[in-house]
Every structure is written in structure tokens, then in C-alpha cells.
N, C-alpha and C. Protein backbone atom coordinates (compact mmCIF):
# COMPACT_ATOMS: atom_id res chain seq x y z
N MET A 1 0.88 -1.19 0.04
CA MET A 1 0.00 0.03 0.05
C MET A 1 0.86 1.28 0.01
N PHE A 2 0.34 2.29 -0.61
CA PHE A 2 1.10 3.57 -0.58
C PHE A 2 0.90 4.25 0.74
N VAL A 3 1.95 4.72 1.45
CA VAL A 3 1.90 5.37 2.69
C VAL A 3 1.83 6.89 2.49
N LYS A 4 2.99 7.39 1.94
CA LYS A 4 2.98 8.86 1.75
C LYS A 4 4.12 9.16 0.90
N SER A 5 4.16 10.44 0.38
CA SER A 5 5.29 10.99 -0.37
C SER A 5 5.87 12.19 0.43
N ILE A 6 7.19 12.34 0.25
CA ILE A 6 7.92 13.45 0.96
C ILE A 6 8.61 14.31 0.01
N ASP A 7 8.52 15.62 0.05
CA ASP A 7 9.33 16.53 -0.73
C ASP A 7 10.79 16.59 -0.08
N GLY A 8 11.62 16.03 -0.75
CA GLY A 8 13.01 15.94 -0.27
C GLY A 8 13.99 16.93 -1.00
N SER A 9 13.39 17.88 -1.76
CA SER A 9 14.24 18.71 -2.64
C SER A 9 15.28 19.46 -1.93
N ASN A 10 15.01 19.82 -0.62
CA ASN A 10 15.96 20.66 0.19
C ASN A 10 17.07 19.83 0.88
N PHE A 11 17.00 18.50 0.82
CA PHE A 11 17.96 17.71 1.58
C PHE A 11 18.46 16.47 0.75
N VAL A 12 17.94 16.24 -0.45
CA VAL A 12 18.14 15.01 -1.22
C VAL A 12 19.66 14.84 -1.56
N LYS A 13 20.54 15.89 -1.49
CA LYS A 13 21.91 15.68 -1.80
C LYS A 13 22.81 15.37 -0.56
N THR A 14 22.08 15.34 0.62
CA THR A 14 22.82 15.14 1.85
C THR A 14 22.51 13.71 2.43
N ARG A 15 23.60 12.93 2.52
CA ARG A 15 23.41 11.57 2.96
C ARG A 15 22.79 11.43 4.32
N GLU A 16 23.28 12.29 5.33
CA GLU A 16 22.79 12.18 6.62
C GLU A 16 21.23 12.51 6.78
N LYS A 17 20.86 13.51 6.01
CA LYS A 17 19.42 13.80 5.90
C LYS A 17 18.54 12.72 5.27
N LEU A 18 19.11 12.21 4.24
CA LEU A 18 18.40 11.03 3.58
C LEU A 18 18.22 9.90 4.52
N PHE A 19 19.36 9.59 5.26
CA PHE A 19 19.34 8.54 6.29
C PHE A 19 18.29 8.78 7.31
N GLU A 20 18.18 10.09 7.84
CA GLU A 20 17.25 10.36 8.90
C GLU A 20 15.85 10.20 8.39
N MET A 21 15.59 10.56 7.09
CA MET A 21 14.25 10.43 6.51
C MET A 21 13.89 8.93 6.44
N LEU A 22 14.87 8.16 5.89
CA LEU A 22 14.59 6.71 5.75
C LEU A 22 14.37 6.05 7.07
N ASP A 23 15.22 6.47 8.04
CA ASP A 23 15.08 5.85 9.40
C ASP A 23 13.80 6.19 10.03
N SER A 24 13.37 7.45 9.86
CA SER A 24 12.05 7.85 10.49
C SER A 24 10.88 7.07 9.89
N LEU A 25 11.00 6.80 8.58
CA LEU A 25 9.96 6.02 7.88
C LEU A 25 9.91 4.54 8.46
N VAL A 26 11.12 3.99 8.66
CA VAL A 26 11.13 2.66 9.16
C VAL A 26 10.55 2.60 10.63
N GLU A 27 10.88 3.65 11.35
CA GLU A 27 10.34 3.76 12.71
C GLU A 27 8.85 3.85 12.68
N GLU A 28 8.32 4.67 11.80
CA GLU A 28 6.90 4.85 11.70
C GLU A 28 6.13 3.57 11.32
N ILE A 29 6.74 2.81 10.28
CA ILE A 29 6.10 1.56 9.84
C ILE A 29 6.40 0.42 10.86
N ARG A 30 7.45 0.55 11.58
CA ARG A 30 7.98 -0.38 12.54
C ARG A 30 8.92 -1.42 11.95
N GLU A 31 10.10 -1.47 12.55
CA GLU A 31 11.21 -2.22 11.86
C GLU A 31 10.92 -3.72 11.47
N GLU A 32 10.07 -4.39 12.39
CA GLU A 32 9.76 -5.72 12.05
C GLU A 32 8.83 -5.86 10.78
N ASN A 33 8.26 -4.74 10.32
CA ASN A 33 7.43 -4.86 9.14
C ASN A 33 8.20 -4.41 7.87
N VAL A 34 9.44 -4.02 7.94
CA VAL A 34 10.25 -3.62 6.89
C VAL A 34 11.32 -4.65 6.54
N ILE A 35 11.36 -5.08 5.32
CA ILE A 35 12.36 -6.09 4.91
C ILE A 35 13.40 -5.50 4.04
N GLN A 36 13.06 -4.63 3.18
CA GLN A 36 13.94 -4.17 2.13
C GLN A 36 13.74 -2.65 1.84
N VAL A 37 14.74 -1.94 1.60
CA VAL A 37 14.71 -0.51 1.24
C VAL A 37 15.33 -0.45 -0.13
N ILE A 38 14.54 0.01 -1.10
CA ILE A 38 15.04 0.21 -2.49
C ILE A 38 15.26 1.73 -2.79
N ILE A 39 16.49 2.04 -3.16
CA ILE A 39 16.78 3.42 -3.30
C ILE A 39 17.60 3.64 -4.67
N ASP A 40 17.74 4.94 -5.03
CA ASP A 40 18.51 5.28 -6.18
C ASP A 40 19.93 4.95 -6.04
N ASN A 41 20.74 5.09 -7.17
CA ASN A 41 22.09 4.67 -7.16
C ASN A 41 23.10 5.75 -6.95
N GLY A 42 22.68 6.95 -6.70
CA GLY A 42 23.59 8.09 -6.43
C GLY A 42 24.36 7.79 -5.12
N SER A 43 25.60 8.38 -5.05
CA SER A 43 26.53 8.01 -3.88
C SER A 43 25.89 8.56 -2.61
N ASN A 44 25.10 9.56 -2.61
CA ASN A 44 24.41 10.05 -1.38
C ASN A 44 23.39 8.97 -0.87
N TYR A 45 22.70 8.32 -1.79
CA TYR A 45 21.72 7.33 -1.47
C TYR A 45 22.38 6.06 -0.98
N VAL A 46 23.47 5.63 -1.67
CA VAL A 46 24.15 4.45 -1.21
C VAL A 46 24.68 4.68 0.18
N LEU A 47 25.29 5.83 0.51
CA LEU A 47 25.91 5.95 1.75
C LEU A 47 24.71 6.01 2.87
N ALA A 48 23.53 6.69 2.52
CA ALA A 48 22.38 6.62 3.41
C ALA A 48 21.93 5.21 3.67
N GLY A 49 21.93 4.37 2.57
CA GLY A 49 21.52 2.98 2.74
C GLY A 49 22.43 2.21 3.63
N LYS A 50 23.73 2.51 3.60
CA LYS A 50 24.70 1.82 4.46
C LYS A 50 24.52 2.27 5.85
N LEU A 51 24.25 3.53 6.12
CA LEU A 51 24.02 4.01 7.50
C LEU A 51 22.79 3.33 8.04
N LEU A 52 21.72 3.08 7.25
CA LEU A 52 20.49 2.50 7.70
C LEU A 52 20.77 1.06 8.10
N GLU A 53 21.63 0.33 7.28
CA GLU A 53 21.92 -1.04 7.61
C GLU A 53 22.74 -1.20 8.88
N GLU A 54 23.61 -0.19 9.02
CA GLU A 54 24.46 -0.25 10.30
C GLU A 54 23.59 -0.12 11.52
N LYS A 55 22.49 0.74 11.46
CA LYS A 55 21.69 1.03 12.64
C LYS A 55 20.63 -0.18 12.78
N ARG A 56 20.20 -0.70 11.67
CA ARG A 56 19.17 -1.70 11.72
C ARG A 56 19.71 -2.98 10.93
N PRO A 57 20.50 -3.89 11.53
CA PRO A 57 21.20 -4.91 10.90
C PRO A 57 20.31 -5.88 10.16
N HIS A 58 19.04 -6.02 10.59
CA HIS A 58 18.23 -7.04 9.97
C HIS A 58 17.57 -6.52 8.61
N LEU A 59 17.71 -5.24 8.39
CA LEU A 59 17.30 -4.68 7.07
C LEU A 59 18.37 -4.73 6.01
N TYR A 60 18.03 -4.76 4.74
CA TYR A 60 19.07 -4.53 3.76
C TYR A 60 18.50 -3.57 2.65
N TRP A 61 19.40 -2.87 2.00
CA TRP A 61 18.98 -1.91 1.03
C TRP A 61 19.38 -2.40 -0.33
N THR A 62 18.69 -2.06 -1.36
CA THR A 62 18.92 -2.54 -2.71
C THR A 62 18.91 -1.40 -3.64
N LEU A 63 19.81 -1.35 -4.63
CA LEU A 63 19.78 -0.24 -5.58
C LEU A 63 18.65 -0.44 -6.56
N CYS A 64 18.18 0.67 -7.06
CA CYS A 64 17.10 0.59 -8.02
C CYS A 64 17.60 -0.07 -9.31
N VAL A 65 16.94 -1.13 -9.73
CA VAL A 65 17.34 -1.87 -10.86
C VAL A 65 17.20 -1.11 -12.17
N ALA A 66 16.11 -0.44 -12.34
CA ALA A 66 15.83 0.34 -13.59
C ALA A 66 17.00 1.40 -13.67
N HIS A 67 17.37 2.06 -12.61
CA HIS A 67 18.51 3.01 -12.69
C HIS A 67 19.82 2.30 -13.05
N CYS A 68 20.11 1.17 -12.44
CA CYS A 68 21.27 0.38 -12.75
C CYS A 68 21.33 0.07 -14.25
N ILE A 69 20.20 -0.43 -14.79
CA ILE A 69 20.21 -0.74 -16.21
C ILE A 69 20.45 0.52 -17.08
N ASP A 70 19.83 1.58 -16.69
CA ASP A 70 19.97 2.82 -17.46
C ASP A 70 21.49 3.18 -17.44
N LEU A 71 22.20 3.06 -16.33
CA LEU A 71 23.57 3.42 -16.33
C LEU A 71 24.41 2.43 -17.17
N MET A 72 24.00 1.13 -17.20
CA MET A 72 24.67 0.28 -18.08
C MET A 72 24.52 0.56 -19.56
N LEU A 73 23.28 0.96 -19.87
CA LEU A 73 23.02 1.43 -21.26
C LEU A 73 23.79 2.66 -21.58
N GLU A 74 23.95 3.50 -20.64
CA GLU A 74 24.73 4.76 -20.87
C GLU A 74 26.14 4.40 -21.16
N ASP A 75 26.75 3.34 -20.35
CA ASP A 75 28.09 2.98 -20.70
C ASP A 75 28.24 2.33 -22.08
N ILE A 76 27.33 1.53 -22.36
CA ILE A 76 27.31 0.89 -23.76
C ILE A 76 27.21 1.97 -24.75
N GLY A 77 26.48 3.01 -24.57
CA GLY A 77 26.24 4.15 -25.50
C GLY A 77 27.51 4.90 -25.72
N LYS A 78 28.59 4.71 -24.88
CA LYS A 78 29.85 5.50 -25.07
C LYS A 78 30.72 4.80 -25.99
N LEU A 79 30.46 3.51 -26.40
CA LEU A 79 31.31 2.72 -27.33
C LEU A 79 31.12 3.45 -28.65
N PRO A 80 32.40 3.75 -29.30
CA PRO A 80 32.42 4.61 -30.50
C PRO A 80 31.30 4.36 -31.56
N LEU A 81 31.23 3.08 -32.07
CA LEU A 81 30.27 2.74 -33.13
C LEU A 81 28.82 3.03 -32.65
N ILE A 82 28.56 2.57 -31.47
CA ILE A 82 27.20 2.76 -30.88
C ILE A 82 26.86 4.17 -30.63
N LYS A 83 27.84 4.95 -30.13
CA LYS A 83 27.64 6.38 -29.91
C LYS A 83 27.37 7.13 -31.15
N LYS A 84 28.08 6.78 -32.24
CA LYS A 84 27.90 7.44 -33.55
C LYS A 84 26.50 7.07 -34.11
N THR A 85 26.09 5.83 -33.91
CA THR A 85 24.71 5.39 -34.43
C THR A 85 23.66 6.15 -33.74
N ILE A 86 23.70 6.26 -32.39
CA ILE A 86 22.77 6.85 -31.58
C ILE A 86 22.70 8.38 -32.02
N GLN A 87 23.83 9.02 -32.14
CA GLN A 87 23.90 10.41 -32.46
C GLN A 87 23.19 10.64 -33.87
N ARG A 88 23.49 9.77 -34.84
CA ARG A 88 22.77 9.93 -36.13
C ARG A 88 21.29 9.68 -35.97
N GLY A 89 20.87 8.71 -35.25
CA GLY A 89 19.48 8.40 -35.09
C GLY A 89 18.74 9.60 -34.32
N VAL A 90 19.41 10.15 -33.23
CA VAL A 90 18.81 11.31 -32.55
C VAL A 90 18.73 12.52 -33.45
N SER A 91 19.83 12.67 -34.24
CA SER A 91 19.82 13.90 -35.23
C SER A 91 18.70 13.73 -36.24
N LEU A 92 18.50 12.50 -36.73
CA LEU A 92 17.38 12.34 -37.67
C LEU A 92 16.08 12.50 -37.16
N VAL A 93 15.77 11.90 -35.92
CA VAL A 93 14.48 12.04 -35.26
C VAL A 93 14.31 13.55 -34.84
N GLY A 94 15.30 14.18 -34.31
CA GLY A 94 15.24 15.58 -33.98
C GLY A 94 14.83 16.44 -35.13
N PHE A 95 15.51 16.18 -36.24
CA PHE A 95 15.20 17.02 -37.50
C PHE A 95 13.76 16.84 -37.87
N ILE A 96 13.25 15.58 -37.90
CA ILE A 96 11.88 15.36 -38.30
C ILE A 96 10.87 16.04 -37.38
N TYR A 97 11.17 15.91 -36.09
CA TYR A 97 10.24 16.50 -35.16
C TYR A 97 10.27 18.01 -34.87
N SER A 98 11.28 18.57 -35.43
CA SER A 98 11.50 20.08 -35.26
C SER A 98 10.82 20.88 -36.38
N HIS A 99 10.20 20.16 -37.38
CA HIS A 99 9.56 20.90 -38.42
C HIS A 99 8.14 20.32 -38.69
N PHE A 100 7.18 21.21 -38.58
CA PHE A 100 5.86 20.69 -38.77
C PHE A 100 5.63 20.01 -40.09
N SER A 101 6.13 20.54 -41.14
CA SER A 101 5.87 20.00 -42.44
C SER A 101 6.55 18.58 -42.58
N THR A 102 7.78 18.42 -41.97
CA THR A 102 8.42 17.12 -42.04
C THR A 102 7.65 16.12 -41.14
N LEU A 103 7.20 16.56 -39.98
CA LEU A 103 6.45 15.67 -39.08
C LEU A 103 5.13 15.21 -39.79
N SER A 104 4.50 16.18 -40.45
CA SER A 104 3.25 15.89 -41.15
C SER A 104 3.46 14.75 -42.19
N LEU A 105 4.58 15.01 -42.97
CA LEU A 105 4.92 14.05 -44.01
C LEU A 105 5.26 12.68 -43.46
N LEU A 106 6.01 12.63 -42.27
CA LEU A 106 6.31 11.35 -41.67
C LEU A 106 5.04 10.63 -41.27
N ARG A 107 4.06 11.34 -40.69
CA ARG A 107 2.77 10.71 -40.31
C ARG A 107 2.03 10.16 -41.46
N GLN A 108 2.18 10.89 -42.60
CA GLN A 108 1.50 10.44 -43.87
C GLN A 108 2.13 9.11 -44.39
N PHE A 109 3.48 9.00 -44.22
CA PHE A 109 4.13 7.79 -44.80
C PHE A 109 4.23 6.70 -43.86
N THR A 110 3.95 6.87 -42.57
CA THR A 110 4.05 5.86 -41.52
C THR A 110 2.64 5.51 -40.89
N ASN A 111 1.63 6.06 -41.48
CA ASN A 111 0.26 5.73 -40.98
C ASN A 111 0.10 6.24 -39.58
N LYS A 112 0.67 7.46 -39.34
CA LYS A 112 0.56 8.18 -38.09
C LYS A 112 1.29 7.49 -36.82
N ARG A 113 2.32 6.65 -37.18
CA ARG A 113 3.11 6.08 -36.14
C ARG A 113 4.21 6.99 -35.72
N GLU A 114 4.44 7.13 -34.40
CA GLU A 114 5.49 7.97 -33.95
C GLU A 114 6.85 7.25 -33.92
N LEU A 115 7.94 8.07 -33.90
CA LEU A 115 9.25 7.45 -33.74
C LEU A 115 9.82 7.59 -32.32
N VAL A 116 9.15 8.28 -31.45
CA VAL A 116 9.67 8.52 -30.14
C VAL A 116 8.75 7.96 -29.05
N ARG A 117 9.31 7.23 -28.05
CA ARG A 117 8.51 6.74 -26.95
C ARG A 117 9.46 7.00 -25.78
N HIS A 118 9.11 7.71 -24.72
CA HIS A 118 9.92 7.95 -23.63
C HIS A 118 9.77 6.95 -22.46
N VAL A 119 10.96 6.38 -22.09
CA VAL A 119 10.93 5.45 -20.92
C VAL A 119 12.06 6.02 -19.94
N THR A 120 13.36 5.65 -20.15
CA THR A 120 14.42 6.25 -19.46
C THR A 120 15.29 6.78 -20.51
N ASN A 121 16.34 7.58 -20.09
CA ASN A 121 17.16 8.32 -21.07
C ASN A 121 17.59 7.40 -22.22
N PHE A 122 18.38 6.35 -21.87
CA PHE A 122 19.01 5.49 -22.85
C PHE A 122 18.08 4.50 -23.47
N ALA A 123 17.06 4.09 -22.74
CA ALA A 123 16.02 3.16 -23.27
C ALA A 123 15.28 3.93 -24.28
N THR A 124 15.05 5.28 -24.15
CA THR A 124 14.40 6.01 -25.15
C THR A 124 15.18 6.13 -26.43
N PHE A 125 16.45 6.21 -26.32
CA PHE A 125 17.36 6.18 -27.61
C PHE A 125 17.11 4.89 -28.25
N TYR A 126 17.21 3.80 -27.58
CA TYR A 126 16.98 2.39 -28.14
C TYR A 126 15.65 2.32 -28.84
N LEU A 127 14.60 2.72 -28.17
CA LEU A 127 13.31 2.58 -28.74
C LEU A 127 13.10 3.48 -29.94
N SER A 128 13.75 4.60 -29.93
CA SER A 128 13.70 5.45 -31.13
C SER A 128 14.39 4.74 -32.39
N LEU A 129 15.58 4.18 -32.07
CA LEU A 129 16.31 3.41 -33.10
C LEU A 129 15.42 2.27 -33.56
N GLN A 130 14.79 1.59 -32.63
CA GLN A 130 13.89 0.44 -33.00
C GLN A 130 12.78 0.93 -33.93
N ARG A 131 12.18 2.05 -33.62
CA ARG A 131 11.02 2.59 -34.39
C ARG A 131 11.63 3.04 -35.76
N LEU A 132 12.81 3.66 -35.79
CA LEU A 132 13.39 4.01 -37.07
C LEU A 132 13.57 2.77 -37.92
N HIS A 133 14.09 1.65 -37.39
CA HIS A 133 14.34 0.45 -38.15
C HIS A 133 13.05 -0.10 -38.60
N GLN A 134 12.00 -0.10 -37.75
CA GLN A 134 10.73 -0.67 -38.24
C GLN A 134 10.19 0.14 -39.43
N LYS A 135 10.39 1.41 -39.40
CA LYS A 135 9.88 2.29 -40.45
C LYS A 135 10.93 2.68 -41.54
N LYS A 136 11.91 1.88 -41.59
CA LYS A 136 12.98 2.09 -42.56
C LYS A 136 12.48 2.31 -43.91
N GLY A 137 11.66 1.36 -44.45
CA GLY A 137 11.14 1.35 -45.79
C GLY A 137 10.31 2.60 -46.06
N ASN A 138 9.48 2.99 -45.06
CA ASN A 138 8.58 4.18 -45.15
C ASN A 138 9.43 5.40 -45.18
N LEU A 139 10.44 5.44 -44.31
CA LEU A 139 11.36 6.68 -44.26
C LEU A 139 12.11 6.89 -45.64
N ARG A 140 12.62 5.74 -46.15
CA ARG A 140 13.26 5.92 -47.49
C ARG A 140 12.35 6.40 -48.53
N LYS A 141 11.10 5.88 -48.56
CA LYS A 141 10.12 6.42 -49.44
C LYS A 141 9.85 7.80 -49.35
N MET A 142 9.74 8.21 -48.02
CA MET A 142 9.45 9.67 -47.70
C MET A 142 10.54 10.56 -48.29
N PHE A 143 11.85 10.16 -47.94
CA PHE A 143 12.96 11.06 -48.27
C PHE A 143 13.36 11.00 -49.79
N THR A 144 12.71 10.11 -50.56
CA THR A 144 12.86 10.08 -51.95
C THR A 144 11.58 10.48 -52.71
N SER A 145 10.59 10.90 -52.01
CA SER A 145 9.30 11.15 -52.60
C SER A 145 9.29 12.53 -53.30
N ASP A 146 8.37 12.71 -54.18
CA ASP A 146 8.19 14.04 -54.85
C ASP A 146 7.81 15.10 -53.85
N GLU A 147 7.02 14.78 -52.85
CA GLU A 147 6.67 15.69 -51.79
C GLU A 147 7.90 16.30 -51.12
N TRP A 148 8.82 15.37 -50.82
CA TRP A 148 10.09 15.77 -50.14
C TRP A 148 10.99 16.63 -51.07
N SER A 149 11.14 16.13 -52.26
CA SER A 149 12.05 16.75 -53.28
C SER A 149 11.52 18.13 -53.55
N ASN A 150 10.27 18.35 -53.60
CA ASN A 150 9.72 19.70 -53.95
C ASN A 150 9.59 20.61 -52.81
N SER A 151 9.81 20.10 -51.57
CA SER A 151 9.73 21.02 -50.38
C SER A 151 10.99 21.90 -50.26
N LYS A 152 10.73 23.11 -49.60
CA LYS A 152 11.92 23.93 -49.37
C LYS A 152 12.95 23.35 -48.44
N LEU A 153 12.44 22.48 -47.47
CA LEU A 153 13.43 21.94 -46.50
C LEU A 153 14.43 21.09 -47.08
N SER A 154 14.22 20.38 -48.23
CA SER A 154 15.06 19.47 -48.85
C SER A 154 16.37 20.14 -49.37
N LYS A 155 16.26 21.49 -49.55
CA LYS A 155 17.44 22.15 -50.14
C LYS A 155 18.48 22.62 -48.99
N GLU A 156 18.12 22.61 -47.78
CA GLU A 156 19.04 23.12 -46.71
C GLU A 156 20.02 22.09 -46.24
N ALA A 157 21.11 22.47 -45.68
CA ALA A 157 22.20 21.59 -45.31
C ALA A 157 21.76 20.46 -44.30
N LYS A 158 21.11 20.83 -43.23
CA LYS A 158 20.61 19.91 -42.32
C LYS A 158 19.66 18.87 -42.84
N ARG A 159 18.90 19.33 -43.84
CA ARG A 159 17.94 18.40 -44.43
C ARG A 159 18.65 17.46 -45.38
N ARG A 160 19.68 17.87 -46.12
CA ARG A 160 20.42 17.02 -46.92
C ARG A 160 21.14 15.93 -46.09
N GLU A 161 21.63 16.34 -44.88
CA GLU A 161 22.27 15.42 -43.99
C GLU A 161 21.31 14.36 -43.50
N ALA A 162 20.03 14.79 -43.27
CA ALA A 162 19.04 13.76 -42.82
C ALA A 162 18.72 12.82 -43.96
N THR A 163 18.59 13.28 -45.13
CA THR A 163 18.44 12.36 -46.28
C THR A 163 19.56 11.49 -46.49
N LYS A 164 20.76 11.97 -46.34
CA LYS A 164 21.93 11.05 -46.38
C LYS A 164 21.91 9.96 -45.40
N ILE A 165 21.55 10.30 -44.11
CA ILE A 165 21.47 9.26 -43.13
C ILE A 165 20.43 8.19 -43.49
N VAL A 166 19.32 8.59 -43.91
CA VAL A 166 18.32 7.56 -44.23
C VAL A 166 18.65 6.71 -45.36
N LEU A 167 19.44 7.19 -46.35
CA LEU A 167 19.72 6.41 -47.52
C LEU A 167 21.15 5.74 -47.36
N MET A 168 21.75 5.78 -46.15
CA MET A 168 23.05 5.25 -45.94
C MET A 168 22.92 3.72 -45.45
N PRO A 169 23.36 2.74 -46.21
CA PRO A 169 23.27 1.35 -45.77
C PRO A 169 24.00 1.09 -44.49
N SER A 170 25.18 1.71 -44.32
CA SER A 170 26.00 1.40 -43.16
C SER A 170 25.29 1.82 -41.87
N PHE A 171 24.49 2.93 -41.95
CA PHE A 171 23.79 3.38 -40.81
C PHE A 171 22.70 2.36 -40.37
N TRP A 172 22.04 1.78 -41.35
CA TRP A 172 21.02 0.78 -40.90
C TRP A 172 21.65 -0.50 -40.43
N ASN A 173 22.84 -0.85 -40.99
CA ASN A 173 23.54 -2.06 -40.43
C ASN A 173 23.99 -1.84 -38.96
N GLN A 174 24.45 -0.54 -38.65
CA GLN A 174 24.84 -0.19 -37.28
C GLN A 174 23.65 -0.13 -36.39
N VAL A 175 22.53 0.31 -36.90
CA VAL A 175 21.28 0.28 -36.07
C VAL A 175 20.99 -1.15 -35.64
N VAL A 176 21.02 -2.05 -36.59
CA VAL A 176 20.68 -3.49 -36.31
C VAL A 176 21.70 -3.98 -35.19
N PHE A 177 22.95 -3.70 -35.32
CA PHE A 177 24.01 -4.09 -34.39
C PHE A 177 23.65 -3.50 -32.98
N THR A 178 23.41 -2.28 -32.96
CA THR A 178 23.05 -1.59 -31.67
C THR A 178 21.85 -2.13 -31.01
N LEU A 179 20.80 -2.47 -31.78
CA LEU A 179 19.60 -3.03 -31.21
C LEU A 179 19.86 -4.42 -30.57
N LYS A 180 20.71 -5.21 -31.29
CA LYS A 180 21.03 -6.50 -30.80
C LYS A 180 21.81 -6.50 -29.44
N VAL A 181 22.81 -5.52 -29.36
CA VAL A 181 23.55 -5.31 -28.20
C VAL A 181 22.73 -4.91 -27.00
N MET A 182 21.79 -3.99 -27.21
CA MET A 182 21.01 -3.47 -26.13
C MET A 182 19.70 -4.28 -25.77
N ALA A 183 19.33 -5.14 -26.68
CA ALA A 183 17.96 -5.68 -26.52
C ALA A 183 17.78 -6.46 -25.17
N PRO A 184 18.79 -7.28 -24.68
CA PRO A 184 18.54 -8.01 -23.43
C PRO A 184 18.29 -7.09 -22.20
N LEU A 185 19.06 -5.93 -22.22
CA LEU A 185 18.91 -5.06 -21.08
C LEU A 185 17.54 -4.26 -21.19
N ILE A 186 17.18 -3.96 -22.40
CA ILE A 186 15.92 -3.21 -22.63
C ILE A 186 14.73 -4.16 -22.29
N HIS A 187 14.89 -5.45 -22.58
CA HIS A 187 13.86 -6.44 -22.23
C HIS A 187 13.61 -6.48 -20.67
N MET A 188 14.76 -6.53 -19.95
CA MET A 188 14.70 -6.54 -18.53
C MET A 188 14.00 -5.22 -18.02
N LEU A 189 14.39 -4.04 -18.52
CA LEU A 189 13.83 -2.78 -18.11
C LEU A 189 12.32 -2.81 -18.43
N CYS A 190 11.93 -3.23 -19.53
CA CYS A 190 10.48 -3.31 -19.84
C CYS A 190 9.71 -4.23 -18.93
N LEU A 191 10.31 -5.37 -18.60
CA LEU A 191 9.72 -6.27 -17.67
C LEU A 191 9.49 -5.59 -16.30
N MET A 192 10.50 -4.85 -15.82
CA MET A 192 10.38 -4.31 -14.49
C MET A 192 9.46 -3.06 -14.53
N ASP A 193 9.44 -2.39 -15.63
CA ASP A 193 8.63 -1.16 -15.75
C ASP A 193 7.24 -1.46 -16.14
N GLY A 194 6.92 -2.70 -16.63
CA GLY A 194 5.62 -3.01 -17.17
C GLY A 194 4.58 -3.04 -16.15
N LYS A 195 3.34 -2.86 -16.62
CA LYS A 195 2.12 -2.91 -15.71
C LYS A 195 1.23 -4.06 -16.07
N ARG A 196 1.58 -4.80 -17.08
CA ARG A 196 0.61 -5.83 -17.51
C ARG A 196 0.65 -7.14 -16.65
N LYS A 197 1.81 -7.46 -16.06
CA LYS A 197 1.90 -8.67 -15.28
C LYS A 197 2.92 -8.46 -14.18
N ALA A 198 2.85 -9.31 -13.19
CA ALA A 198 3.86 -9.30 -12.10
C ALA A 198 5.19 -9.81 -12.67
N ALA A 199 6.27 -9.08 -12.46
CA ALA A 199 7.48 -9.31 -13.23
C ALA A 199 8.43 -10.29 -12.51
N MET A 200 8.24 -10.51 -11.21
CA MET A 200 9.27 -11.26 -10.39
C MET A 200 9.50 -12.68 -10.97
N GLY A 201 8.45 -13.34 -11.47
CA GLY A 201 8.60 -14.68 -11.96
C GLY A 201 9.46 -14.75 -13.26
N TYR A 202 9.71 -13.63 -13.95
CA TYR A 202 10.39 -13.63 -15.17
C TYR A 202 11.78 -12.95 -15.11
N ILE A 203 12.02 -12.33 -13.99
CA ILE A 203 13.24 -11.50 -13.87
C ILE A 203 14.55 -12.35 -13.96
N TYR A 204 14.67 -13.45 -13.24
CA TYR A 204 15.87 -14.15 -13.16
C TYR A 204 16.32 -14.76 -14.55
N GLU A 205 15.36 -15.19 -15.32
CA GLU A 205 15.75 -15.73 -16.69
C GLU A 205 16.24 -14.52 -17.49
N ALA A 206 15.53 -13.38 -17.35
CA ALA A 206 15.98 -12.22 -18.15
C ALA A 206 17.36 -11.71 -17.80
N VAL A 207 17.71 -11.83 -16.51
CA VAL A 207 19.02 -11.50 -15.90
C VAL A 207 20.08 -12.47 -16.63
N GLU A 208 19.81 -13.66 -16.57
CA GLU A 208 20.75 -14.64 -17.10
C GLU A 208 21.02 -14.47 -18.60
N LYS A 209 19.91 -14.24 -19.35
CA LYS A 209 20.08 -13.92 -20.78
C LYS A 209 20.88 -12.66 -21.05
N ALA A 210 20.61 -11.72 -20.19
CA ALA A 210 21.34 -10.44 -20.40
C ALA A 210 22.83 -10.66 -20.12
């Protein structure tokens, strides 16, 4: 059951204050009723969790899995080939969504399907690349269509770069590679973030596969 929320904006950076807040909540709920404390992965939270464990030895704290996975995806996203692929994908999606006429043309060619779905920072990049790949054929048709060729946007430098990305075979090969690398972690993230079914029975298999 949901107990309450607390505005911690004035002390969230201080480990001692975080510890005091967590400790007071355990006291309020009563220690014998608390098994696990799940917190963020920031160093201040980690230190607050350790202080809580020291005071109440039968409790244990656990880092937020979704945040852990997002940090793993962030590290993977620093690999040169994957970083370049994500940058190109973000550039392409950003260009399309920053112009009303281009977005209107996209929706015409993709039957009103969007390219962006927000989850967490790096999961969003993955899902955007996935949508781009799913709509690869339609995007190529769009960027080689008469409507696009006759538009004013097609003559500008950024627009020519977007067209170049869409028609670049190596970009799409790198998208496939990036999706394969990130897929197991994204699957775990979607399992834990999903609302359709209880995730616990599926998590361990997903961890092993990842």
C-alpha cells in the first residue's frame, strides 16, 4: 500500500538527511514490518543505505534496478560505433520532429506512427532506433518522394544530412547491431517497468540472458 510521499528537494543531496528520513519511515512503519529498502544509485543514497543497515542490521537496502540498467546502457552508449549510431538516429528524429511539415509528411508515410517513446534516457534512444528500423522502408520512401524533393526543407544543409542518413546502408547495419547489443537489457527494463503482469517470476531468466 502507498503510505506517503515526502518533498526531499531541500535535503536530497545530503546522505545524513536522507538517512534520517529513511530511518524515520522505518520507525513509523515499525522495523519488524520492513524487509527491504530500494533506493536510487547516487552516492548519497548508497551511503544513506549503508547507514541504515548499520543501525538496523536485519534490514538490507537494494539499488534501483531500472537506474542500474539505465547506467549500463549509458556506458554501452559510449562505445564509438554505438555512440555514432545513436547520434545519427537522434539527429534524424530531432530533425523530423522540429519541423511541422516534415512531421506531417512522416505521419503520412508511416500511417501516423510516432518515432519517439519515452521510458528512461537511454532506453528512449534504443526505442527510437527500433522505431526508425521498423519504419526504414517508409522513411526511405518519404525522403525520396516528390513531396520531399519539392519542399523547401530538402534544399537546406541539415535536411540534406538527414536524407543522407536515411539512404546510408552502413547506418542501418549499425542500427541493427546496436539493437542486438542493447535488446537483453531493454527487455529487463520493460519487464520491471511494465504494468501488464507481475514481473518477479520472469526477472531471473531475463538477468541470465542479459
